[in-house]
Protein backbone atom coordinates (compact mmCIF):
# COMPACT_ATOMS: atom_id res chain seq x y z
CA ALA A 1 11.36 -26.23 -3.75
CA ASP A 2 11.54 -22.69 -3.96
CA ASP A 3 10.97 -22.18 -7.77
CA ALA A 4 7.59 -24.04 -6.75
CA PHE A 5 6.94 -21.69 -3.47
CA ALA A 6 7.62 -19.01 -5.94
CA ALA A 7 5.15 -20.40 -8.71
CA ALA A 8 2.43 -21.45 -6.45
CA THR A 9 2.45 -17.73 -4.87
CA ALA A 10 2.49 -15.95 -8.18
CA ARG A 11 -0.34 -17.90 -8.98
CA LEU A 12 -2.56 -16.83 -6.00
CA LEU A 13 -1.43 -13.67 -6.43
CA ALA A 14 -2.30 -13.65 -10.03
CA GLY A 15 -5.45 -15.30 -9.46
CA ASP A 16 -6.72 -13.72 -6.29
CA PRO A 17 -8.12 -9.65 -6.78
CA GLU A 18 -8.91 -10.33 -2.62
CA TYR A 19 -5.78 -10.73 -1.94
CA ARG A 20 -4.09 -7.61 -0.77
CA SER A 21 -1.34 -8.84 1.69
CA LEU A 22 1.73 -10.58 1.12
CA PHE A 23 3.10 -11.87 4.42
CA LEU A 24 6.61 -13.94 3.96
CA ALA A 25 7.87 -13.28 7.45
CA THR A 26 10.41 -15.47 8.15
CA ARG A 27 10.53 -17.36 5.46
CA ARG A 28 14.48 -17.27 4.61
CA ASP A 29 14.67 -17.03 0.97
CA VAL A 30 12.51 -15.02 -1.24
CA PRO A 31 12.63 -16.15 -5.21
CA GLU A 32 13.33 -13.09 -7.59
CA ALA A 33 10.33 -15.02 -9.62
CA LEU A 34 8.23 -14.21 -6.60
CA LEU A 35 9.52 -10.30 -6.71
CA ALA A 36 8.81 -10.42 -10.67
CA ALA A 37 4.94 -11.63 -10.07
CA LEU A 38 4.41 -8.98 -6.97
CA ALA A 39 5.80 -6.25 -9.19
CA GLY A 40 3.04 -6.98 -11.80
CA ASN A 41 0.39 -7.50 -9.52
CA ASP A 42 -2.60 -4.92 -9.50
CA HIS A 43 -4.16 -5.10 -6.28
CA VAL A 44 -1.54 -5.87 -3.52
CA THR A 45 -0.91 -3.15 -1.06
CA ALA A 46 0.80 -4.66 1.69
CA ILE A 47 4.23 -6.48 1.84
CA HIS A 48 5.60 -7.83 4.76
CA PHE A 49 9.31 -9.26 4.04
CA GLU A 50 10.09 -9.04 7.61
CA MET A 51 12.33 -11.89 9.39
CA THR A 52 13.61 -13.00 6.04
CA LYS A 53 17.18 -12.52 6.07
CA TRP A 54 16.35 -10.05 3.40
CA ASP A 55 19.65 -8.06 1.94
CA ASP A 56 21.42 -5.61 0.36
CA ALA A 57 21.64 -7.92 -2.80
CA GLN A 58 17.72 -8.42 -2.35
CA CYS A 59 17.00 -4.67 -2.36
CA GLU A 60 18.49 -4.25 -5.30
CA ALA A 61 16.31 -6.69 -6.72
CA LEU A 62 13.35 -5.32 -5.65
CA ALA A 63 14.60 -2.40 -7.35
CA ARG A 64 14.90 -3.92 -10.48
CA PHE A 65 11.73 -5.71 -10.63
CA GLY A 66 9.55 -2.40 -8.61
CA LEU A 67 6.58 -2.54 -6.85
CA PRO A 68 2.83 -3.34 -7.35
CA PRO A 69 1.37 0.06 -8.19
CA ARG A 70 -0.57 -0.06 -5.61
CA ALA A 71 1.38 -1.00 -2.98
CA THR A 72 1.04 1.43 0.08
CA GLU A 73 2.92 -0.30 3.07
CA LEU A 74 6.45 -2.08 2.94
CA TYR A 75 7.55 -3.63 6.21
CA LEU A 76 11.67 -4.74 5.95
CA MET A 77 12.38 -4.97 9.52
CA ARG A 78 14.37 -7.43 11.06
CA ASN A 79 16.75 -8.17 8.51
CA ALA A 80 20.41 -7.72 6.97
CA ILE A 81 20.03 -4.19 5.00
CA THR A 82 22.84 -2.20 5.01
CA HIS A 83 23.49 1.41 3.69
CA ARG A 84 23.87 -0.29 0.53
CA GLY A 85 20.40 -1.64 0.27
CA ILE A 86 19.61 1.81 1.28
CA ALA A 87 20.80 3.36 -2.02
CA SER A 88 18.71 0.58 -3.95
CA LEU A 89 15.81 1.28 -2.15
CA ALA A 90 16.07 5.10 -2.74
CA ARG A 91 16.33 4.14 -6.65
CA LEU A 92 13.04 2.18 -6.27
CA LEU A 93 10.82 4.99 -3.83
CA PRO A 94 10.21 7.78 -6.33
CA ALA A 95 7.85 5.96 -8.40
CA SER A 96 5.98 4.46 -5.15
CA ARG A 97 2.58 5.21 -3.81
CA LEU A 98 4.12 3.90 -0.51
CA ARG A 99 2.57 5.59 2.78
CA SER A 100 4.75 3.53 5.04
CA LEU A 101 8.25 2.31 4.77
CA ASN A 102 9.37 0.43 8.05
CA LEU A 103 13.03 -0.75 8.07
CA SER A 104 13.75 -1.13 11.51
CA CYS A 105 16.05 -3.29 13.29
CA ASN A 106 18.61 -3.56 10.35
CA PRO A 107 22.32 -2.86 10.21
CA LEU A 108 21.75 0.16 8.17
CA LEU A 109 25.70 1.30 9.18
CA SER A 110 26.75 -2.25 8.75
CA SER A 111 29.72 -2.33 6.14
CA GLY A 112 30.20 -6.36 6.36
CA GLY A 113 34.12 -5.09 7.49
CA ALA A 114 36.26 -2.52 8.28
CA TRP A 115 34.29 0.92 8.91
CA ASN A 116 36.71 3.44 7.03
CA TYR A 117 36.15 6.89 5.56
CA SER A 118 34.66 5.58 2.19
CA THR A 119 32.46 3.56 4.22
CA TRP A 120 31.00 6.80 5.31
CA LEU A 121 31.06 8.00 2.63
CA GLU A 122 29.12 5.51 1.08
CA SER A 123 26.56 5.58 3.87
CA GLU A 124 26.10 9.28 3.56
CA SER A 125 25.59 9.63 0.38
CA ALA A 126 22.84 6.65 0.52
CA PHE A 127 21.09 8.13 3.33
CA ARG A 128 21.11 11.54 1.33
CA ALA A 129 19.15 9.87 -1.56
CA LEU A 130 17.06 7.73 1.01
CA GLY A 131 16.01 11.27 2.30
CA SER A 132 15.60 13.02 -1.05
CA SER A 133 13.73 10.01 -2.90
CA ILE A 134 10.82 9.78 0.05
CA PRO A 135 7.76 9.43 -1.95
CA PRO A 136 5.42 12.24 -1.85
CA THR A 137 2.48 9.90 -0.21
CA LEU A 138 5.34 8.75 2.13
CA GLU A 139 3.88 9.20 6.06
CA THR A 140 5.78 6.81 8.36
CA LEU A 141 9.51 6.10 7.96
CA ASN A 142 10.44 3.59 10.51
CA LEU A 143 14.20 3.65 10.75
CA ASN A 144 14.22 2.25 14.67
CA GLU A 145 17.20 0.97 16.11
CA THR A 146 19.21 0.70 12.69
CA GLU A 147 22.07 2.24 13.94
CA THR A 148 21.75 5.21 12.14
CA ALA A 149 24.33 6.94 14.28
CA LYS A 150 28.05 5.41 14.75
CA GLU A 151 29.25 5.56 18.21
CA SER A 152 32.82 6.67 16.57
CA GLY A 153 30.62 9.73 15.69
CA ASP A 154 29.44 9.60 12.32
CA PRO A 155 25.90 9.95 12.46
CA GLN A 156 24.08 9.57 9.11
CA THR A 157 20.92 10.88 11.26
CA GLU A 158 21.80 14.20 10.75
CA VAL A 159 22.15 13.56 6.94
CA LEU A 160 18.80 12.22 6.35
CA VAL A 161 17.00 14.74 8.19
CA GLU A 162 19.01 17.63 6.32
CA ALA A 163 18.17 15.43 3.14
CA LEU A 164 13.93 15.64 4.32
CA ALA A 165 14.59 19.25 5.41
CA THR A 166 16.13 20.31 1.94
CA ARG A 167 13.21 18.04 0.52
CA ARG A 168 10.70 19.60 2.27
CA ARG A 169 11.81 23.13 1.48
CA LYS A 170 11.76 22.07 -2.42
CA THR A 171 8.77 20.33 -2.49
CA GLY A 172 6.71 21.09 0.82
CA ARG A 173 6.29 17.30 1.60
CA ARG A 174 7.51 16.19 4.61
CA LEU A 175 6.49 13.05 7.14
CA LYS A 176 4.11 12.63 9.40
CA VAL A 177 5.59 10.07 11.26
CA LEU A 178 9.52 9.48 11.57
CA TYR A 179 10.68 6.64 14.59
CA LEU A 180 14.55 6.77 15.22
CA GLN A 181 14.53 5.13 18.65
CA GLY A 182 17.02 2.75 19.55
CA ASN A 183 19.83 4.65 17.68
CA SER A 184 22.81 5.84 19.26
CA ILE A 185 21.10 9.77 18.59
CA ASP A 186 22.64 12.20 21.81
CA ASP A 187 21.06 15.81 22.26
CA ALA A 188 23.78 16.98 19.82
CA THR A 189 22.56 15.19 16.79
């Protein structure tokens, strides 16, 4: 069934130049064949994979296949993306034309197991990579309710903001909107 779905969607993407937005919200599996077809598409600008149980492996697959050249919006909210998926997305972003990236309501700091120093270093590196890899076109980054700061006192928000500030100093590029509501951020952060 997934192969038939992927093939039908690929035909639709290839055959209709008016098809500019791909909405797969709530689809529980996005086949890699569909990602391959999407990457080769030259007219889709908005991609919605929200509530699809998208996870780190699918972020890696997306990084491998790439985004359509005209994609300006990527919605990955309400999925299962952790800091490992962020690292994959960071490799994808520099070559993109995204104006908006929505990762809200993902457990970005979840390690799928024990939270330890090694996991903290890995997540710090992923958030630094994300902040450093933002394409010049990106205007909005939504990280609402993504656990970007753990109650244990390991705030990755600070790491992300530092990377964004460094990027701004080096390139003059900056975001217009950074959403961070619903995270464990206090006045000290």
